[in-house]
């Protein structure tokens, strides 16, 4: 039983780590863009990063879907881990 719980925690940590990087990019780029916009600075490249277009690599068709699914899986697996804790 303990090994199964450990495996679930490892899977949760891996999913969370994988989804954390694009989530941070999205949060930081959106925040910086919204701060710069009222100042009259047009940093359109931040919006491109925000939506998953990283220049050479364009992930826009899949980026929001990936972020949504990864976030849901992380949240649901975290909730399940909390519910199983004695």
PDB file of N, CA and C in Angstrom:
ATOM      1  N   UNK A   1       0.831  -1.200   0.000  1.00  0.00           N
ATOM      2  CA  UNK A   1       0.000   0.000   0.000  1.00  0.00           C
ATOM      3  C   UNK A   1       0.866   1.252   0.000  1.00  0.00           C
ATOM      4  N   UNK A   2       1.940   1.209   0.801  1.00  0.00           N
ATOM      5  CA  UNK A   2       2.819   2.377   0.905  1.00  0.00           C
ATOM      6  C   UNK A   2       3.524   2.633  -0.430  1.00  0.00           C
ATOM      7  N   UNK A   3       3.907   1.551  -1.139  1.00  0.00           N
ATOM      8  CA  UNK A   3       4.579   1.694  -2.431  1.00  0.00           C
ATOM      9  C   UNK A   3       3.650   2.335  -3.454  1.00  0.00           C
ATOM     10  N   UNK A   4       2.379   1.968  -3.441  1.00  0.00           N
ATOM     11  CA  UNK A   4       1.403   2.548  -4.350  1.00  0.00           C
ATOM     12  C   UNK A   4       1.253   4.041  -4.094  1.00  0.00           C
ATOM     13  N   UNK A   5       1.215   4.438  -2.826  1.00  0.00           N
ATOM     14  CA  UNK A   5       1.099   5.848  -2.457  1.00  0.00           C
ATOM     15  C   UNK A   5       2.342   6.615  -2.912  1.00  0.00           C
ATOM     16  N   UNK A   6       3.511   5.995  -2.777  1.00  0.00           N
ATOM     17  CA  UNK A   6       4.761   6.616  -3.202  1.00  0.00           C
ATOM     18  C   UNK A   6       4.773   6.811  -4.713  1.00  0.00           C
ATOM     19  N   UNK A   7       4.296   5.821  -5.467  1.00  0.00           N
ATOM     20  CA  UNK A   7       4.231   5.927  -6.916  1.00  0.00           C
ATOM     21  C   UNK A   7       3.288   7.042  -7.345  1.00  0.00           C
ATOM     22  N   UNK A   8       2.155   7.163  -6.671  1.00  0.00           N
ATOM     23  CA  UNK A   8       1.207   8.229  -6.998  1.00  0.00           C
ATOM     24  C   UNK A   8       1.817   9.596  -6.736  1.00  0.00           C
ATOM     25  N   UNK A   9       2.559   9.707  -5.654  1.00  0.00           N
ATOM     26  CA  UNK A   9       3.235  10.974  -5.345  1.00  0.00           C
ATOM     27  C   UNK A   9       4.290  11.300  -6.390  1.00  0.00           C
ATOM     28  N   UNK A  10       5.032  10.307  -6.846  1.00  0.00           N
ATOM     29  CA  UNK A  10       6.054  10.529  -7.874  1.00  0.00           C
ATOM     30  C   UNK A  10       5.415  10.983  -9.183  1.00  0.00           C
ATOM     31  N   UNK A  11       4.326  10.336  -9.563  1.00  0.00           N
ATOM     32  CA  UNK A  11       3.623  10.723 -10.786  1.00  0.00           C
ATOM     33  C   UNK A  11       3.094  12.149 -10.666  1.00  0.00           C
ATOM     34  N   UNK A  12       2.514  12.476  -9.525  1.00  0.00           N
ATOM     35  CA  UNK A  12       1.995  13.825  -9.297  1.00  0.00           C
ATOM     36  C   UNK A  12       3.121  14.854  -9.393  1.00  0.00           C
ATOM     37  N   UNK A  13       4.258  14.566  -8.793  1.00  0.00           N
ATOM     38  CA  UNK A  13       5.392  15.495  -8.837  1.00  0.00           C
ATOM     39  C   UNK A  13       5.893  15.700 -10.257  1.00  0.00           C
ATOM     40  N   UNK A  14       5.965  14.631 -11.047  1.00  0.00           N
ATOM     41  CA  UNK A  14       6.436  14.749 -12.430  1.00  0.00           C
ATOM     42  C   UNK A  14       5.478  15.574 -13.273  1.00  0.00           C
ATOM     43  N   UNK A  15       4.184  15.312 -13.140  1.00  0.00           N
ATOM     44  CA  UNK A  15       3.193  16.071 -13.908  1.00  0.00           C
ATOM     45  C   UNK A  15       3.226  17.538 -13.509  1.00  0.00           C
ATOM     46  N   UNK A  16       3.324  17.796 -12.233  1.00  0.00           N
ATOM     47  CA  UNK A  16       3.355  19.171 -11.747  1.00  0.00           C
ATOM     48  C   UNK A  16       4.614  19.890 -12.222  1.00  0.00           C
ATOM     49  N   UNK A  17       5.743  19.200 -12.194  1.00  0.00           N
ATOM     50  CA  UNK A  17       6.990  19.818 -12.659  1.00  0.00           C
ATOM     51  C   UNK A  17       6.946  20.123 -14.147  1.00  0.00           C
ATOM     52  N   UNK A  18       6.376  19.213 -14.928  1.00  0.00           N
ATOM     53  CA  UNK A  18       6.283  19.424 -16.370  1.00  0.00           C
ATOM     54  C   UNK A  18       5.355  20.589 -16.688  1.00  0.00           C
ATOM     55  N   UNK A  19       4.251  20.704 -15.970  1.00  0.00           N
ATOM     56  CA  UNK A  19       3.289  21.769 -16.265  1.00  0.00           C
ATOM     57  C   UNK A  19       3.665  23.103 -15.627  1.00  0.00           C
ATOM     58  N   UNK A  20       4.581  23.108 -14.656  1.00  0.00           N
ATOM     59  CA  UNK A  20       4.935  24.353 -13.973  1.00  0.00           C
ATOM     60  C   UNK A  20       5.670  25.329 -14.878  1.00  0.00           C
ATOM     61  N   UNK A  21       6.551  24.830 -15.729  1.00  0.00           N
ATOM     62  CA  UNK A  21       7.341  25.724 -16.580  1.00  0.00           C
ATOM     63  C   UNK A  21       6.453  26.506 -17.550  1.00  0.00           C
ATOM     64  N   UNK A  22       5.593  25.864 -18.342  1.00  0.00           N
ATOM     65  CA  UNK A  22       4.738  26.663 -19.229  1.00  0.00           C
ATOM     66  C   UNK A  22       3.747  27.549 -18.477  1.00  0.00           C
ATOM     67  N   UNK A  23       3.295  27.093 -17.312  1.00  0.00           N
ATOM     68  CA  UNK A  23       2.396  27.935 -16.517  1.00  0.00           C
ATOM     69  C   UNK A  23       3.113  29.195 -16.037  1.00  0.00           C
ATOM     70  N   UNK A  24       4.346  29.060 -15.597  1.00  0.00           N
ATOM     71  CA  UNK A  24       5.121  30.221 -15.170  1.00  0.00           C
ATOM     72  C   UNK A  24       5.375  31.178 -16.329  1.00  0.00           C
ATOM     73  N   UNK A  25       5.706  30.631 -17.495  1.00  0.00           N
ATOM     74  CA  UNK A  25       5.907  31.480 -18.678  1.00  0.00           C
ATOM     75  C   UNK A  25       4.638  32.251 -18.991  1.00  0.00           C
ATOM     76  N   UNK A  26       3.504  31.592 -18.941  1.00  0.00           N
ATOM     77  CA  UNK A  26       2.227  32.240 -19.234  1.00  0.00           C
ATOM     78  C   UNK A  26       1.906  33.322 -18.207  1.00  0.00           C
ATOM     79  N   UNK A  27       2.079  33.024 -16.951  1.00  0.00           N
ATOM     80  CA  UNK A  27       1.780  33.984 -15.888  1.00  0.00           C
ATOM     81  C   UNK A  27       2.694  35.195 -15.965  1.00  0.00           C
ATOM     82  N   UNK A  28       3.996  34.949 -16.092  1.00  0.00           N
ATOM     83  CA  UNK A  28       4.966  36.047 -16.098  1.00  0.00           C
ATOM     84  C   UNK A  28       4.810  36.920 -17.340  1.00  0.00           C
ATOM     85  N   UNK A  29       4.660  36.304 -18.509  1.00  0.00           N
ATOM     86  CA  UNK A  29       4.529  37.100 -19.737  1.00  0.00           C
ATOM     87  C   UNK A  29       3.241  37.913 -19.743  1.00  0.00           C
ATOM     88  N   UNK A  30       2.148  37.338 -19.262  1.00  0.00           N
ATOM     89  CA  UNK A  30       0.890  38.078 -19.196  1.00  0.00           C
ATOM     90  C   UNK A  30       0.941  39.226 -18.202  1.00  0.00           C
ATOM     91  N   UNK A  31       1.586  38.990 -17.079  1.00  0.00           N
ATOM     92  CA  UNK A  31       1.697  40.034 -16.062  1.00  0.00           C
ATOM     93  C   UNK A  31       2.572  41.185 -16.543  1.00  0.00           C
ATOM     94  N   UNK A  32       3.730  40.856 -17.105  1.00  0.00           N
ATOM     95  CA  UNK A  32       4.628  41.913 -17.594  1.00  0.00           C
ATOM     96  C   UNK A  32       3.967  42.700 -18.713  1.00  0.00           C
ATOM     97  N   UNK A  33       3.271  42.004 -19.626  1.00  0.00           N
ATOM     98  CA  UNK A  33       2.593  42.704 -20.722  1.00  0.00           C
ATOM     99  C   UNK A  33       1.525  43.665 -20.186  1.00  0.00           C
ATOM    100  N   UNK A  34       0.762  43.222 -19.200  1.00  0.00           N
ATOM    101  CA  UNK A  34      -0.291  44.086 -18.663  1.00  0.00           C
ATOM    102  C   UNK A  34       0.284  45.267 -17.886  1.00  0.00           C
ATOM    103  N   UNK A  35       1.487  45.143 -17.361  1.00  0.00           N
ATOM    104  CA  UNK A  35       2.151  46.268 -16.697  1.00  0.00           C
ATOM    105  C   UNK A  35       2.696  47.250 -17.734  1.00  0.00           C
ATOM    106  N   UNK A  36       3.267  46.732 -18.821  1.00  0.00           N
ATOM    107  CA  UNK A  36       3.886  47.589 -19.835  1.00  0.00           C
ATOM    108  C   UNK A  36       2.874  48.291 -20.734  1.00  0.00           C
ATOM    109  N   UNK A  37       1.733  47.678 -20.970  1.00  0.00           N
ATOM    110  CA  UNK A  37       0.722  48.246 -21.885  1.00  0.00           C
ATOM    111  C   UNK A  37       0.278  49.657 -21.471  1.00  0.00           C
ATOM    112  N   UNK A  38      -0.106  49.918 -20.225  1.00  0.00           N
ATOM    113  CA  UNK A  38      -0.499  51.286 -19.856  1.00  0.00           C
ATOM    114  C   UNK A  38       0.649  52.299 -19.942  1.00  0.00           C
ATOM    115  N   UNK A  39       1.873  51.816 -19.900  1.00  0.00           N
ATOM    116  CA  UNK A  39       3.030  52.693 -20.013  1.00  0.00           C
ATOM    117  C   UNK A  39       3.354  53.040 -21.466  1.00  0.00           C
ATOM    118  N   UNK A  40       2.612  52.453 -22.387  1.00  0.00           N
ATOM    119  CA  UNK A  40       2.808  52.727 -23.807  1.00  0.00           C
ATOM    120  C   UNK A  40       3.872  51.872 -24.460  1.00  0.00           C
ATOM    121  N   UNK A  41       4.353  50.856 -23.766  1.00  0.00           N
ATOM    122  CA  UNK A  41       5.365  49.961 -24.322  1.00  0.00           C
ATOM    123  C   UNK A  41       4.651  48.810 -25.025  1.00  0.00           C
ATOM    124  N   UNK A  42       4.917  48.669 -26.336  1.00  0.00           N
ATOM    125  CA  UNK A  42       4.285  47.596 -27.092  1.00  0.00           C
ATOM    126  C   UNK A  42       5.246  46.412 -27.173  1.00  0.00           C
ATOM    127  N   UNK A  43       5.082  45.481 -26.295  1.00  0.00           N
ATOM    128  CA  UNK A  43       5.924  44.277 -26.264  1.00  0.00           C
ATOM    129  C   UNK A  43       5.090  43.109 -26.770  1.00  0.00           C
ATOM    130  N   UNK A  44       4.831  43.104 -28.078  1.00  0.00           N
ATOM    131  CA  UNK A  44       3.968  42.080 -28.660  1.00  0.00           C
ATOM    132  C   UNK A  44       4.570  40.681 -28.529  1.00  0.00           C
ATOM    133  N   UNK A  45       5.901  40.614 -28.440  1.00  0.00           N
ATOM    134  CA  UNK A  45       6.541  39.314 -28.292  1.00  0.00           C
ATOM    135  C   UNK A  45       6.133  38.626 -26.998  1.00  0.00           C
ATOM    136  N   UNK A  46       5.754  39.417 -25.975  1.00  0.00           N
ATOM    137  CA  UNK A  46       5.274  38.820 -24.730  1.00  0.00           C
ATOM    138  C   UNK A  46       3.948  38.097 -24.940  1.00  0.00           C
ATOM    139  N   UNK A  47       3.084  38.677 -25.772  1.00  0.00           N
ATOM    140  CA  UNK A  47       1.808  38.018 -26.076  1.00  0.00           C
ATOM    141  C   UNK A  47       2.059  36.730 -26.850  1.00  0.00           C
ATOM    142  N   UNK A  48       3.053  36.754 -27.738  1.00  0.00           N
ATOM    143  CA  UNK A  48       3.386  35.529 -28.461  1.00  0.00           C
ATOM    144  C   UNK A  48       3.838  34.444 -27.483  1.00  0.00           C
ATOM    145  N   UNK A  49       4.701  34.803 -26.536  1.00  0.00           N
ATOM    146  CA  UNK A  49       5.132  33.834 -25.517  1.00  0.00           C
ATOM    147  C   UNK A  49       3.944  33.374 -24.688  1.00  0.00           C
ATOM    148  N   UNK A  50       3.057  34.319 -24.371  1.00  0.00           N
ATOM    149  CA  UNK A  50       1.889  34.029 -23.544  1.00  0.00           C
ATOM    150  C   UNK A  50       0.994  32.966 -24.183  1.00  0.00           C
ATOM    151  N   UNK A  51       0.955  32.955 -25.499  1.00  0.00           N
ATOM    152  CA  UNK A  51       0.089  32.022 -26.221  1.00  0.00           C
ATOM    153  C   UNK A  51       0.824  30.799 -26.760  1.00  0.00           C
ATOM    154  N   UNK A  52       2.148  30.694 -26.499  1.00  0.00           N
ATOM    155  CA  UNK A  52       2.872  29.498 -26.891  1.00  0.00           C
ATOM    156  C   UNK A  52       3.689  29.595 -28.154  1.00  0.00           C
ATOM    157  N   UNK A  53       3.869  30.800 -28.685  1.00  0.00           N
ATOM    158  CA  UNK A  53       4.699  30.977 -29.871  1.00  0.00           C
ATOM    159  C   UNK A  53       6.071  31.454 -29.409  1.00  0.00           C
ATOM    160  N   UNK A  54       7.054  30.566 -29.458  1.00  0.00           N
ATOM    161  CA  UNK A  54       8.382  30.866 -28.956  1.00  0.00           C
ATOM    162  C   UNK A  54       9.386  31.111 -30.080  1.00  0.00           C
ATOM    163  N   UNK A  55       8.909  31.657 -31.192  1.00  0.00           N
ATOM    164  CA  UNK A  55       9.797  31.947 -32.319  1.00  0.00           C
ATOM    165  C   UNK A  55       9.986  30.722 -33.183  1.00  0.00           C
ATOM    166  N   UNK A  56      11.075  30.016 -32.945  1.00  0.00           N
ATOM    167  CA  UNK A  56      11.378  28.821 -33.734  1.00  0.00           C
ATOM    168  C   UNK A  56      10.336  27.729 -33.496  1.00  0.00           C
ATOM    169  N   UNK A  57       9.902  27.602 -32.260  1.00  0.00           N
ATOM    170  CA  UNK A  57       8.914  26.581 -31.892  1.00  0.00           C
ATOM    171  C   UNK A  57       7.568  27.260 -31.679  1.00  0.00           C
ATOM    172  N   UNK A  58       6.593  26.904 -32.498  1.00  0.00           N
ATOM    173  CA  UNK A  58       5.255  27.478 -32.376  1.00  0.00           C
ATOM    174  C   UNK A  58       4.299  26.405 -31.855  1.00  0.00           C
ATOM    175  N   UNK A  59       3.941  26.522 -30.590  1.00  0.00           N
ATOM    176  CA  UNK A  59       3.051  25.543 -29.955  1.00  0.00           C
ATOM    177  C   UNK A  59       1.629  26.067 -29.776  1.00  0.00           C
ATOM    178  N   UNK A  60       1.300  27.167 -30.439  1.00  0.00           N
ATOM    179  CA  UNK A  60       0.001  27.809 -30.231  1.00  0.00           C
ATOM    180  C   UNK A  60      -1.196  26.878 -30.400  1.00  0.00           C
ATOM    181  N   UNK A  61      -1.219  25.997 -31.392  1.00  0.00           N
ATOM    182  CA  UNK A  61      -2.402  25.134 -31.518  1.00  0.00           C
ATOM    183  C   UNK A  61      -2.613  24.193 -30.335  1.00  0.00           C
ATOM    184  N   UNK A  62      -1.544  23.853 -29.613  1.00  0.00           N
ATOM    185  CA  UNK A  62      -1.630  22.870 -28.543  1.00  0.00           C
ATOM    186  C   UNK A  62      -1.400  23.446 -27.155  1.00  0.00           C
ATOM    187  N   UNK A  63      -0.879  24.662 -27.076  1.00  0.00           N
ATOM    188  CA  UNK A  63      -0.389  25.225 -25.817  1.00  0.00           C
ATOM    189  C   UNK A  63      -1.493  25.357 -24.772  1.00  0.00           C
ATOM    190  N   UNK A  64      -2.595  25.973 -25.128  1.00  0.00           N
ATOM    191  CA  UNK A  64      -3.660  26.169 -24.138  1.00  0.00           C
ATOM    192  C   UNK A  64      -4.313  24.848 -23.756  1.00  0.00           C
ATOM    193  N   UNK A  65      -4.416  23.926 -24.704  1.00  0.00           N
ATOM    194  CA  UNK A  65      -4.974  22.611 -24.398  1.00  0.00           C
ATOM    195  C   UNK A  65      -4.054  21.877 -23.420  1.00  0.00           C
ATOM    196  N   UNK A  66      -2.742  21.929 -23.687  1.00  0.00           N
ATOM    197  CA  UNK A  66      -1.776  21.292 -22.786  1.00  0.00           C
ATOM    198  C   UNK A  66      -1.838  21.899 -21.391  1.00  0.00           C
ATOM    199  N   UNK A  67      -1.866  23.228 -21.315  1.00  0.00           N
ATOM    200  CA  UNK A  67      -1.914  23.888 -20.017  1.00  0.00           C
ATOM    201  C   UNK A  67      -3.174  23.503 -19.247  1.00  0.00           C
ATOM    202  N   UNK A  68      -4.290  23.470 -19.931  1.00  0.00           N
ATOM    203  CA  UNK A  68      -5.544  23.114 -19.281  1.00  0.00           C
ATOM    204  C   UNK A  68      -5.554  21.685 -18.774  1.00  0.00           C
ATOM    205  N   UNK A  69      -5.160  20.754 -19.622  1.00  0.00           N
ATOM    206  CA  UNK A  69      -5.160  19.343 -19.233  1.00  0.00           C
ATOM    207  C   UNK A  69      -4.140  19.080 -18.131  1.00  0.00           C
ATOM    208  N   UNK A  70      -2.939  19.644 -18.272  1.00  0.00           N
ATOM    209  CA  UNK A  70      -1.907  19.438 -17.243  1.00  0.00           C
ATOM    210  C   UNK A  70      -2.339  20.032 -15.908  1.00  0.00           C
ATOM    211  N   UNK A  71      -2.981  21.193 -15.946  1.00  0.00           N
ATOM    212  CA  UNK A  71      -3.458  21.816 -14.706  1.00  0.00           C
ATOM    213  C   UNK A  71      -4.536  20.962 -14.048  1.00  0.00           C
ATOM    214  N   UNK A  72      -5.484  20.482 -14.839  1.00  0.00           N
ATOM    215  CA  UNK A  72      -6.550  19.641 -14.292  1.00  0.00           C
ATOM    216  C   UNK A  72      -6.001  18.347 -13.696  1.00  0.00           C
ATOM    217  N   UNK A  73      -5.070  17.711 -14.389  1.00  0.00           N
ATOM    218  CA  UNK A  73      -4.493  16.472 -13.883  1.00  0.00           C
ATOM    219  C   UNK A  73      -3.736  16.734 -12.584  1.00  0.00           C
ATOM    220  N   UNK A  74      -2.974  17.834 -12.543  1.00  0.00           N
ATOM    221  CA  UNK A  74      -2.234  18.168 -11.321  1.00  0.00           C
ATOM    222  C   UNK A  74      -3.179  18.425 -10.151  1.00  0.00           C
ATOM    223  N   UNK A  75      -4.230  19.165 -10.402  1.00  0.00           N
ATOM    224  CA  UNK A  75      -5.194  19.485  -9.344  1.00  0.00           C
ATOM    225  C   UNK A  75      -5.910  18.231  -8.867  1.00  0.00           C
ATOM    226  N   UNK A  76      -6.398  17.439  -9.810  1.00  0.00           N
ATOM    227  CA  UNK A  76      -7.145  16.236  -9.436  1.00  0.00           C
ATOM    228  C   UNK A  76      -6.265  15.222  -8.716  1.00  0.00           C
ATOM    229  N   UNK A  77      -5.033  15.035  -9.197  1.00  0.00           N
ATOM    230  CA  UNK A  77      -4.159  14.079  -8.509  1.00  0.00           C
ATOM    231  C   UNK A  77      -3.755  14.603  -7.136  1.00  0.00           C
ATOM    232  N   UNK A  78      -3.584  15.904  -6.995  1.00  0.00           N
ATOM    233  CA  UNK A  78      -3.299  16.485  -5.676  1.00  0.00           C
ATOM    234  C   UNK A  78      -4.455  16.314  -4.706  1.00  0.00           C
ATOM    235  N   UNK A  79      -5.669  16.501  -5.199  1.00  0.00           N
ATOM    236  CA  UNK A  79      -6.846  16.300  -4.360  1.00  0.00           C
ATOM    237  C   UNK A  79      -6.960  14.842  -3.921  1.00  0.00           C
ATOM    238  N   UNK A  80      -6.693  13.928  -4.845  1.00  0.00           N
ATOM    239  CA  UNK A  80      -6.749  12.493  -4.507  1.00  0.00           C
ATOM    240  C   UNK A  80      -5.700  12.129  -3.471  1.00  0.00           C
ATOM    241  N   UNK A  81      -4.504  12.732  -3.602  1.00  0.00           N
ATOM    242  CA  UNK A  81      -3.471  12.461  -2.597  1.00  0.00           C
ATOM    243  C   UNK A  81      -3.882  12.978  -1.236  1.00  0.00           C
ATOM    244  N   UNK A  82      -4.516  14.129  -1.196  1.00  0.00           N
ATOM    245  CA  UNK A  82      -4.979  14.689   0.089  1.00  0.00           C
ATOM    246  C   UNK A  82      -6.079  13.828   0.713  1.00  0.00           C
ATOM    247  N   UNK A  83      -6.972  13.313  -0.137  1.00  0.00           N
ATOM    248  CA  UNK A  83      -8.067  12.503   0.377  1.00  0.00           C
ATOM    249  C   UNK A  83      -7.562  11.177   0.938  1.00  0.00           C
ATOM    250  N   UNK A  84      -6.477  10.638   0.384  1.00  0.00           N
ATOM    251  CA  UNK A  84      -5.959   9.346   0.834  1.00  0.00           C
ATOM    252  C   UNK A  84      -5.077   9.474   2.064  1.00  0.00           C
ATOM    253  N   UNK A  85      -4.668  10.664   2.406  1.00  0.00           N
ATOM    254  CA  UNK A  85      -3.804  10.878   3.580  1.00  0.00           C
ATOM    255  C   UNK A  85      -4.601  10.580   4.848  1.00  0.00           C
ATOM    256  N   UNK A  86      -4.054   9.740   5.746  1.00  0.00           N
ATOM    257  CA  UNK A  86      -4.797   9.403   6.964  1.00  0.00           C
ATOM    258  C   UNK A  86      -4.826  10.552   7.945  1.00  0.00           C
TER     259      UNK A  86
END
